[in-house]
Amino acid sequence: MSSPIEPGAVPEEKLEFVSSCKLPTPWATFELHAFYDEVADKEHLALALGDVGNGEPVLGRVHSECLTGDGLFSQRCDCGAQLEAALKKIAKEGRGVLFYLRQEGRGIGLLNKIRAYHLQDQGADTVEANERLGFPADMRRYTIVLPMLAHLKITSLRLMTNNPRKVKALEDNGIPVAERIPLIANHNPFNIGYLGTKARKLGHLLPGVGKAGEAPAKVPLDAHDNE
């Protein structure tokens, strides 16, 4: 039975818990929690493992949807590999949470993401492509996570991310981050230019890519930036 969740300090967020179930994966059986987002008319998920509500910081990831990377195995980004790596890390630790937010393409949506792909195929990078379509570099709402954390009784995250800006955005929105844990996955010839753009323009900490003065590789890029 569904129940409304009070978003506390963020009254504009109207998230409703819908239901939960067991979700067996190759690494562990997670508890899958489903939420409905009235603002965006979308569904969001939380995959939890172990006792996440005991007051101790929880190993976690805030993962934005990437259909091409998560579901279609695209090598243009590192999203699918990060999703798998995060679930494996949580399973190994025996306790953690992964928030799966329906914010494709840093919030521009799937169809606009494909339009951005087209611009990238012509030489634009991931940031330039979004901007040419009239969007800012990042349109995601991290406040969505607040009522999900409250529902799971999580008070602090040990966040798996390479993006210091994500840590700051979460903390600025009242989401405590006790620790940042790097999540390096799937660097390949098709996404090295994309990763370099993330490092140069978006401040990601990615060893070996995006060094100062380094020209971006002329390879296909992805409009999605899950970090």
C-alpha atoms as a PDB file:
ATOM      1  CA  MET A   1       0.000   0.000   0.000  1.00  0.00           C
ATOM      2  CA  SER A   2       1.401   3.396  -0.936  1.00  0.00           C
ATOM      3  CA  SER A   3       2.057   6.121   1.599  1.00  0.00           C
ATOM      4  CA  PRO A   4       3.053   9.777   1.233  1.00  0.00           C
ATOM      5  CA  ILE A   5       6.551  10.803   2.319  1.00  0.00           C
ATOM      6  CA  GLU A   6       7.095  14.214   3.820  1.00  0.00           C
ATOM      7  CA  PRO A   7      10.133  15.828   2.161  1.00  0.00           C
ATOM      8  CA  GLY A   8      10.970  17.815   5.308  1.00  0.00           C
ATOM      9  CA  ALA A   9      13.194  20.756   4.473  1.00  0.00           C
ATOM     10  CA  VAL A  10      12.377  20.529   0.748  1.00  0.00           C
ATOM     11  CA  PRO A  11       8.596  21.000   0.481  1.00  0.00           C
ATOM     12  CA  GLU A  12       8.664  21.249  -3.332  1.00  0.00           C
ATOM     13  CA  GLU A  13       9.597  17.559  -3.521  1.00  0.00           C
ATOM     14  CA  LYS A  14       6.504  15.377  -3.502  1.00  0.00           C
ATOM     15  CA  LEU A  15       7.634  11.781  -3.430  1.00  0.00           C
ATOM     16  CA  GLU A  16       5.376   8.850  -2.649  1.00  0.00           C
ATOM     17  CA  PHE A  17       6.598   5.444  -1.541  1.00  0.00           C
ATOM     18  CA  VAL A  18       4.714   2.861  -3.605  1.00  0.00           C
ATOM     19  CA  SER A  19       5.983  -0.580  -2.656  1.00  0.00           C
ATOM     20  CA  SER A  20       9.039  -2.769  -2.126  1.00  0.00           C
ATOM     21  CA  CYS A  21      10.146  -6.264  -3.081  1.00  0.00           C
ATOM     22  CA  LYS A  22      13.130  -8.590  -3.116  1.00  0.00           C
ATOM     23  CA  LEU A  23      15.420  -8.187  -6.127  1.00  0.00           C
ATOM     24  CA  PRO A  24      17.880 -11.037  -6.684  1.00  0.00           C
ATOM     25  CA  THR A  25      20.964  -9.965  -8.669  1.00  0.00           C
ATOM     26  CA  PRO A  26      24.173 -11.835  -9.594  1.00  0.00           C
ATOM     27  CA  TRP A  27      25.847 -10.273  -6.523  1.00  0.00           C
ATOM     28  CA  ALA A  28      23.199 -10.128  -3.792  1.00  0.00           C
ATOM     29  CA  THR A  29      19.468 -10.039  -3.138  1.00  0.00           C
ATOM     30  CA  PHE A  30      18.558  -6.394  -2.645  1.00  0.00           C
ATOM     31  CA  GLU A  31      15.397  -4.832  -1.249  1.00  0.00           C
ATOM     32  CA  LEU A  32      13.980  -2.754  -4.104  1.00  0.00           C
ATOM     33  CA  HIS A  33      11.960   0.311  -3.031  1.00  0.00           C
ATOM     34  CA  ALA A  34       9.814   2.138  -5.595  1.00  0.00           C
ATOM     35  CA  PHE A  35       8.829   5.809  -5.348  1.00  0.00           C
ATOM     36  CA  TYR A  36       6.647   8.083  -7.459  1.00  0.00           C
ATOM     37  CA  ASP A  37       7.827  11.630  -8.176  1.00  0.00           C
ATOM     38  CA  GLU A  38       4.803  13.919  -8.604  1.00  0.00           C
ATOM     39  CA  VAL A  39       6.921  16.873  -9.770  1.00  0.00           C
ATOM     40  CA  ALA A  40       8.488  15.073 -12.759  1.00  0.00           C
ATOM     41  CA  ASP A  41       5.795  12.376 -13.180  1.00  0.00           C
ATOM     42  CA  LYS A  42       8.502   9.694 -13.015  1.00  0.00           C
ATOM     43  CA  GLU A  43       9.424   6.684 -10.917  1.00  0.00           C
ATOM     44  CA  HIS A  44      12.641   6.426  -8.887  1.00  0.00           C
ATOM     45  CA  LEU A  45      14.179   3.398  -7.187  1.00  0.00           C
ATOM     46  CA  ALA A  46      16.358   2.589  -4.201  1.00  0.00           C
ATOM     47  CA  LEU A  47      18.193  -0.734  -3.938  1.00  0.00           C
ATOM     48  CA  ALA A  48      19.100  -1.368  -0.304  1.00  0.00           C
ATOM     49  CA  LEU A  49      21.110  -4.137   1.325  1.00  0.00           C
ATOM     50  CA  GLY A  50      21.556  -4.842   5.020  1.00  0.00           C
ATOM     51  CA  ASP A  51      20.657  -2.626   7.969  1.00  0.00           C
ATOM     52  CA  VAL A  52      20.990   0.837   6.403  1.00  0.00           C
ATOM     53  CA  GLY A  53      18.974   2.596   9.114  1.00  0.00           C
ATOM     54  CA  ASN A  54      21.218   1.932  12.120  1.00  0.00           C
ATOM     55  CA  GLY A  55      22.684   5.452  12.173  1.00  0.00           C
ATOM     56  CA  GLU A  56      26.094   4.576  10.694  1.00  0.00           C
ATOM     57  CA  PRO A  57      27.193   6.155   7.343  1.00  0.00           C
ATOM     58  CA  VAL A  58      25.986   3.998   4.457  1.00  0.00           C
ATOM     59  CA  LEU A  59      27.985   3.028   1.373  1.00  0.00           C
ATOM     60  CA  GLY A  60      25.892   4.497  -1.422  1.00  0.00           C
ATOM     61  CA  ARG A  61      25.620   5.762  -4.947  1.00  0.00           C
ATOM     62  CA  VAL A  62      23.280   8.320  -6.498  1.00  0.00           C
ATOM     63  CA  HIS A  63      22.987   7.011 -10.070  1.00  0.00           C
ATOM     64  CA  SER A  64      21.109   8.878 -12.789  1.00  0.00           C
ATOM     65  CA  GLU A  65      19.370   6.796 -15.431  1.00  0.00           C
ATOM     66  CA  CYS A  66      21.335   6.062 -18.617  1.00  0.00           C
ATOM     67  CA  LEU A  67      19.359   3.735 -20.864  1.00  0.00           C
ATOM     68  CA  THR A  68      22.108   3.486 -23.464  1.00  0.00           C
ATOM     69  CA  GLY A  69      24.793   2.670 -20.931  1.00  0.00           C
ATOM     70  CA  ASP A  70      22.816   0.812 -18.247  1.00  0.00           C
ATOM     71  CA  GLY A  71      20.567  -1.213 -20.561  1.00  0.00           C
ATOM     72  CA  LEU A  72      22.116  -1.189 -24.058  1.00  0.00           C
ATOM     73  CA  PHE A  73      25.788  -1.652 -23.066  1.00  0.00           C
ATOM     74  CA  SER A  74      26.980   1.577 -24.721  1.00  0.00           C
ATOM     75  CA  GLN A  75      30.729   2.124 -24.631  1.00  0.00           C
ATOM     76  CA  ARG A  76      30.295   5.865 -25.223  1.00  0.00           C
ATOM     77  CA  CYS A  77      30.058   6.433 -21.460  1.00  0.00           C
ATOM     78  CA  ASP A  78      31.009   4.714 -18.210  1.00  0.00           C
ATOM     79  CA  CYS A  79      27.502   4.651 -16.701  1.00  0.00           C
ATOM     80  CA  GLY A  80      26.642   0.960 -17.021  1.00  0.00           C
ATOM     81  CA  ALA A  81      30.040  -0.083 -15.717  1.00  0.00           C
ATOM     82  CA  GLN A  82      29.677   2.260 -12.741  1.00  0.00           C
ATOM     83  CA  LEU A  83      26.218   0.881 -11.979  1.00  0.00           C
ATOM     84  CA  GLU A  84      27.544  -2.683 -11.928  1.00  0.00           C
ATOM     85  CA  ALA A  85      30.662  -1.749  -9.961  1.00  0.00           C
ATOM     86  CA  ALA A  86      28.597   0.072  -7.319  1.00  0.00           C
ATOM     87  CA  LEU A  87      26.243  -2.884  -6.821  1.00  0.00           C
ATOM     88  CA  LYS A  88      29.225  -5.226  -6.542  1.00  0.00           C
ATOM     89  CA  LYS A  89      30.853  -2.999  -3.899  1.00  0.00           C
ATOM     90  CA  ILE A  90      27.638  -2.834  -1.886  1.00  0.00           C
ATOM     91  CA  ALA A  91      27.210  -6.618  -2.124  1.00  0.00           C
ATOM     92  CA  LYS A  92      30.809  -7.207  -1.007  1.00  0.00           C
ATOM     93  CA  GLU A  93      30.340  -4.938   2.005  1.00  0.00           C
ATOM     94  CA  GLY A  94      26.956  -6.504   2.799  1.00  0.00           C
ATOM     95  CA  ARG A  95      25.352  -3.116   3.439  1.00  0.00           C
ATOM     96  CA  GLY A  96      24.546  -0.136   1.258  1.00  0.00           C
ATOM     97  CA  VAL A  97      22.124   1.630  -1.029  1.00  0.00           C
ATOM     98  CA  LEU A  98      21.930   2.654  -4.670  1.00  0.00           C
ATOM     99  CA  PHE A  99      19.488   5.378  -5.660  1.00  0.00           C
ATOM    100  CA  TYR A 100      18.414   5.051  -9.295  1.00  0.00           C
ATOM    101  CA  LEU A 101      17.031   8.412 -10.427  1.00  0.00           C
ATOM    102  CA  ARG A 102      15.095   8.836 -13.676  1.00  0.00           C
ATOM    103  CA  GLN A 103      17.101  11.827 -14.915  1.00  0.00           C
ATOM    104  CA  GLU A 104      18.361  10.727 -18.326  1.00  0.00           C
ATOM    105  CA  GLY A 105      21.086  12.790 -19.954  1.00  0.00           C
ATOM    106  CA  ARG A 106      21.721  14.998 -16.891  1.00  0.00           C
ATOM    107  CA  GLY A 107      18.013  15.807 -16.948  1.00  0.00           C
ATOM    108  CA  ILE A 108      17.398  16.587 -20.647  1.00  0.00           C
ATOM    109  CA  GLY A 109      15.579  13.312 -21.363  1.00  0.00           C
ATOM    110  CA  LEU A 110      16.229  10.404 -23.706  1.00  0.00           C
ATOM    111  CA  LEU A 111      15.144  11.997 -27.004  1.00  0.00           C
ATOM    112  CA  ASN A 112      17.204  15.124 -26.414  1.00  0.00           C
ATOM    113  CA  LYS A 113      20.093  12.912 -25.396  1.00  0.00           C
ATOM    114  CA  ILE A 114      19.929  11.221 -28.804  1.00  0.00           C
ATOM    115  CA  ARG A 115      19.892  14.662 -30.430  1.00  0.00           C
ATOM    116  CA  ALA A 116      22.983  15.456 -28.390  1.00  0.00           C
ATOM    117  CA  TYR A 117      24.581  12.214 -29.627  1.00  0.00           C
ATOM    118  CA  HIS A 118      24.111  13.497 -33.181  1.00  0.00           C
ATOM    119  CA  LEU A 119      25.882  16.752 -32.349  1.00  0.00           C
ATOM    120  CA  GLN A 120      28.676  14.827 -30.672  1.00  0.00           C
ATOM    121  CA  ASP A 121      29.107  12.658 -33.745  1.00  0.00           C
ATOM    122  CA  GLN A 122      29.792  15.935 -35.555  1.00  0.00           C
ATOM    123  CA  GLY A 123      32.499  16.944 -33.065  1.00  0.00           C
ATOM    124  CA  ALA A 124      30.792  18.615 -30.080  1.00  0.00           C
ATOM    125  CA  ASP A 125      31.654  17.435 -26.598  1.00  0.00           C
ATOM    126  CA  THR A 126      29.078  16.356 -24.010  1.00  0.00           C
ATOM    127  CA  VAL A 127      28.733  19.827 -22.474  1.00  0.00           C
ATOM    128  CA  GLU A 128      28.691  21.713 -25.806  1.00  0.00           C
ATOM    129  CA  ALA A 129      26.015  19.391 -27.197  1.00  0.00           C
ATOM    130  CA  ASN A 130      23.630  20.055 -24.301  1.00  0.00           C
ATOM    131  CA  GLU A 131      24.246  23.792 -24.543  1.00  0.00           C
ATOM    132  CA  ARG A 132      23.636  23.864 -28.319  1.00  0.00           C
ATOM    133  CA  LEU A 133      20.257  22.267 -27.655  1.00  0.00           C
ATOM    134  CA  GLY A 134      19.455  25.110 -25.260  1.00  0.00           C
ATOM    135  CA  PHE A 135      20.017  23.246 -21.997  1.00  0.00           C
ATOM    136  CA  PRO A 136      22.409  23.960 -19.127  1.00  0.00           C
ATOM    137  CA  ALA A 137      25.223  21.480 -18.532  1.00  0.00           C
ATOM    138  CA  ASP A 138      23.324  19.790 -15.690  1.00  0.00           C
ATOM    139  CA  MET A 139      19.580  19.895 -14.896  1.00  0.00           C
ATOM    140  CA  ARG A 140      19.392  17.144 -12.263  1.00  0.00           C
ATOM    141  CA  ARG A 141      17.524  17.497  -8.948  1.00  0.00           C
ATOM    142  CA  TYR A 142      19.395  15.887  -6.076  1.00  0.00           C
ATOM    143  CA  THR A 143      16.703  16.899  -3.590  1.00  0.00           C
ATOM    144  CA  ILE A 144      14.765  13.849  -4.830  1.00  0.00           C
ATOM    145  CA  VAL A 145      17.065  11.768  -2.647  1.00  0.00           C
ATOM    146  CA  LEU A 146      16.053  13.489   0.618  1.00  0.00           C
ATOM    147  CA  PRO A 147      12.656  11.813   1.125  1.00  0.00           C
ATOM    148  CA  MET A 148      14.126   8.480  -0.022  1.00  0.00           C
ATOM    149  CA  LEU A 149      16.826   8.763   2.640  1.00  0.00           C
ATOM    150  CA  ALA A 150      14.185   9.629   5.224  1.00  0.00           C
ATOM    151  CA  HIS A 151      12.116   6.587   4.254  1.00  0.00           C
ATOM    152  CA  LEU A 152      15.133   4.296   4.654  1.00  0.00           C
ATOM    153  CA  LYS A 153      16.226   6.101   7.861  1.00  0.00           C
ATOM    154  CA  ILE A 154      19.657   6.844   6.361  1.00  0.00           C
ATOM    155  CA  THR A 155      21.414   9.810   7.962  1.00  0.00           C
ATOM    156  CA  SER A 156      24.733   9.902   6.063  1.00  0.00           C
ATOM    157  CA  LEU A 157      26.339   8.490   2.902  1.00  0.00           C
ATOM    158  CA  ARG A 158      29.765   7.198   2.010  1.00  0.00           C
ATOM    159  CA  LEU A 159      29.266   8.299  -1.560  1.00  0.00           C
ATOM    160  CA  MET A 160      30.692   6.409  -4.546  1.00  0.00           C
ATOM    161  CA  THR A 161      31.467   9.115  -7.113  1.00  0.00           C
ATOM    162  CA  ASN A 162      34.339  10.742  -8.999  1.00  0.00           C
ATOM    163  CA  ASN A 163      32.602  14.106  -8.995  1.00  0.00           C
ATOM    164  CA  PRO A 164      33.324  16.574  -6.155  1.00  0.00           C
ATOM    165  CA  ARG A 165      30.503  18.775  -7.506  1.00  0.00           C
ATOM    166  CA  LYS A 166      28.021  15.988  -6.803  1.00  0.00           C
ATOM    167  CA  VAL A 167      29.253  15.783  -3.209  1.00  0.00           C
ATOM    168  CA  LYS A 168      28.820  19.539  -2.827  1.00  0.00           C
ATOM    169  CA  ALA A 169      25.380  19.493  -4.496  1.00  0.00           C
ATOM    170  CA  LEU A 170      24.171  16.773  -2.144  1.00  0.00           C
ATOM    171  CA  GLU A 171      25.559  18.520   0.929  1.00  0.00           C
ATOM    172  CA  ASP A 172      24.119  21.874  -0.192  1.00  0.00           C
ATOM    173  CA  ASN A 173      20.725  20.160  -0.350  1.00  0.00           C
ATOM    174  CA  GLY A 174      20.987  18.779   3.164  1.00  0.00           C
ATOM    175  CA  ILE A 175      22.314  15.315   2.324  1.00  0.00           C
ATOM    176  CA  PRO A 176      25.338  14.546   4.573  1.00  0.00           C
ATOM    177  CA  VAL A 177      28.320  12.914   2.833  1.00  0.00           C
ATOM    178  CA  ALA A 178      30.746  11.359   5.320  1.00  0.00           C
ATOM    179  CA  GLU A 179      33.229  10.184   2.682  1.00  0.00           C
ATOM    180  CA  ARG A 180      33.825  10.221  -1.082  1.00  0.00           C
ATOM    181  CA  ILE A 181      34.827   6.870  -2.571  1.00  0.00           C
ATOM    182  CA  PRO A 182      36.235   6.814  -6.147  1.00  0.00           C
ATOM    183  CA  LEU A 183      34.368   4.691  -8.690  1.00  0.00           C
ATOM    184  CA  ILE A 184      36.620   4.252 -11.742  1.00  0.00           C
ATOM    185  CA  ALA A 185      35.207   1.891 -14.379  1.00  0.00           C
ATOM    186  CA  ASN A 186      35.354   1.102 -18.106  1.00  0.00           C
ATOM    187  CA  HIS A 187      37.848   3.514 -19.639  1.00  0.00           C
ATOM    188  CA  ASN A 188      37.938   2.550 -23.308  1.00  0.00           C
ATOM    189  CA  PRO A 189      38.812   4.105 -26.721  1.00  0.00           C
ATOM    190  CA  PHE A 190      35.179   5.124 -27.319  1.00  0.00           C
ATOM    191  CA  ASN A 191      34.684   7.114 -24.117  1.00  0.00           C
ATOM    192  CA  ILE A 192      38.126   8.583 -23.419  1.00  0.00           C
ATOM    193  CA  GLY A 193      37.163  11.942 -24.949  1.00  0.00           C
ATOM    194  CA  TYR A 194      33.922  11.986 -22.956  1.00  0.00           C
ATOM    195  CA  LEU A 195      35.818  11.230 -19.758  1.00  0.00           C
ATOM    196  CA  GLY A 196      38.338  13.946 -20.593  1.00  0.00           C
ATOM    197  CA  THR A 197      35.512  16.461 -20.979  1.00  0.00           C
ATOM    198  CA  LYS A 198      34.121  15.441 -17.599  1.00  0.00           C
ATOM    199  CA  ALA A 199      37.528  16.008 -16.031  1.00  0.00           C
ATOM    200  CA  ARG A 200      38.275  19.336 -17.754  1.00  0.00           C
ATOM    201  CA  LYS A 201      34.859  20.978 -17.766  1.00  0.00           C
ATOM    202  CA  LEU A 202      32.973  19.329 -14.916  1.00  0.00           C
ATOM    203  CA  GLY A 203      35.754  18.808 -12.395  1.00  0.00           C
ATOM    204  CA  HIS A 204      35.701  15.012 -12.181  1.00  0.00           C
ATOM    205  CA  LEU A 205      38.647  13.270 -10.536  1.00  0.00           C
ATOM    206  CA  LEU A 206      39.675  10.763 -13.201  1.00  0.00           C
ATOM    207  CA  PRO A 207      43.354   9.773 -13.064  1.00  0.00           C
ATOM    208  CA  GLY A 208      45.009   9.714 -16.486  1.00  0.00           C
ATOM    209  CA  VAL A 209      42.383  11.643 -18.462  1.00  0.00           C
ATOM    210  CA  GLY A 210      41.583  15.287 -19.039  1.00  0.00           C
ATOM    211  CA  LYS A 211      44.932  16.742 -18.049  1.00  0.00           C
ATOM    212  CA  ALA A 212      45.446  20.477 -18.434  1.00  0.00           C
ATOM    213  CA  GLY A 213      46.185  21.440 -22.036  1.00  0.00           C
ATOM    214  CA  GLU A 214      45.274  18.019 -23.329  1.00  0.00           C
ATOM    215  CA  ALA A 215      43.183  18.076 -26.507  1.00  0.00           C
ATOM    216  CA  PRO A 216      39.998  15.968 -26.445  1.00  0.00           C
ATOM    217  CA  ALA A 217      40.161  12.776 -28.429  1.00  0.00           C
ATOM    218  CA  LYS A 218      38.086  12.821 -31.617  1.00  0.00           C
ATOM    219  CA  VAL A 219      35.938   9.817 -30.760  1.00  0.00           C
ATOM    220  CA  PRO A 220      32.171   9.486 -30.209  1.00  0.00           C
ATOM    221  CA  LEU A 221      31.024  10.947 -26.891  1.00  0.00           C
ATOM    222  CA  ASP A 222      27.979  10.422 -24.716  1.00  0.00           C
ATOM    223  CA  ALA A 223      25.503  13.154 -23.742  1.00  0.00           C
ATOM    224  CA  HIS A 224      25.030  11.519 -20.383  1.00  0.00           C
ATOM    225  CA  ASP A 225      27.135  12.355 -17.361  1.00  0.00           C
ATOM    226  CA  ASN A 226      26.091  10.025 -14.580  1.00  0.00           C
ATOM    227  CA  GLU A 227      28.507  11.545 -12.152  1.00  0.00           C
END
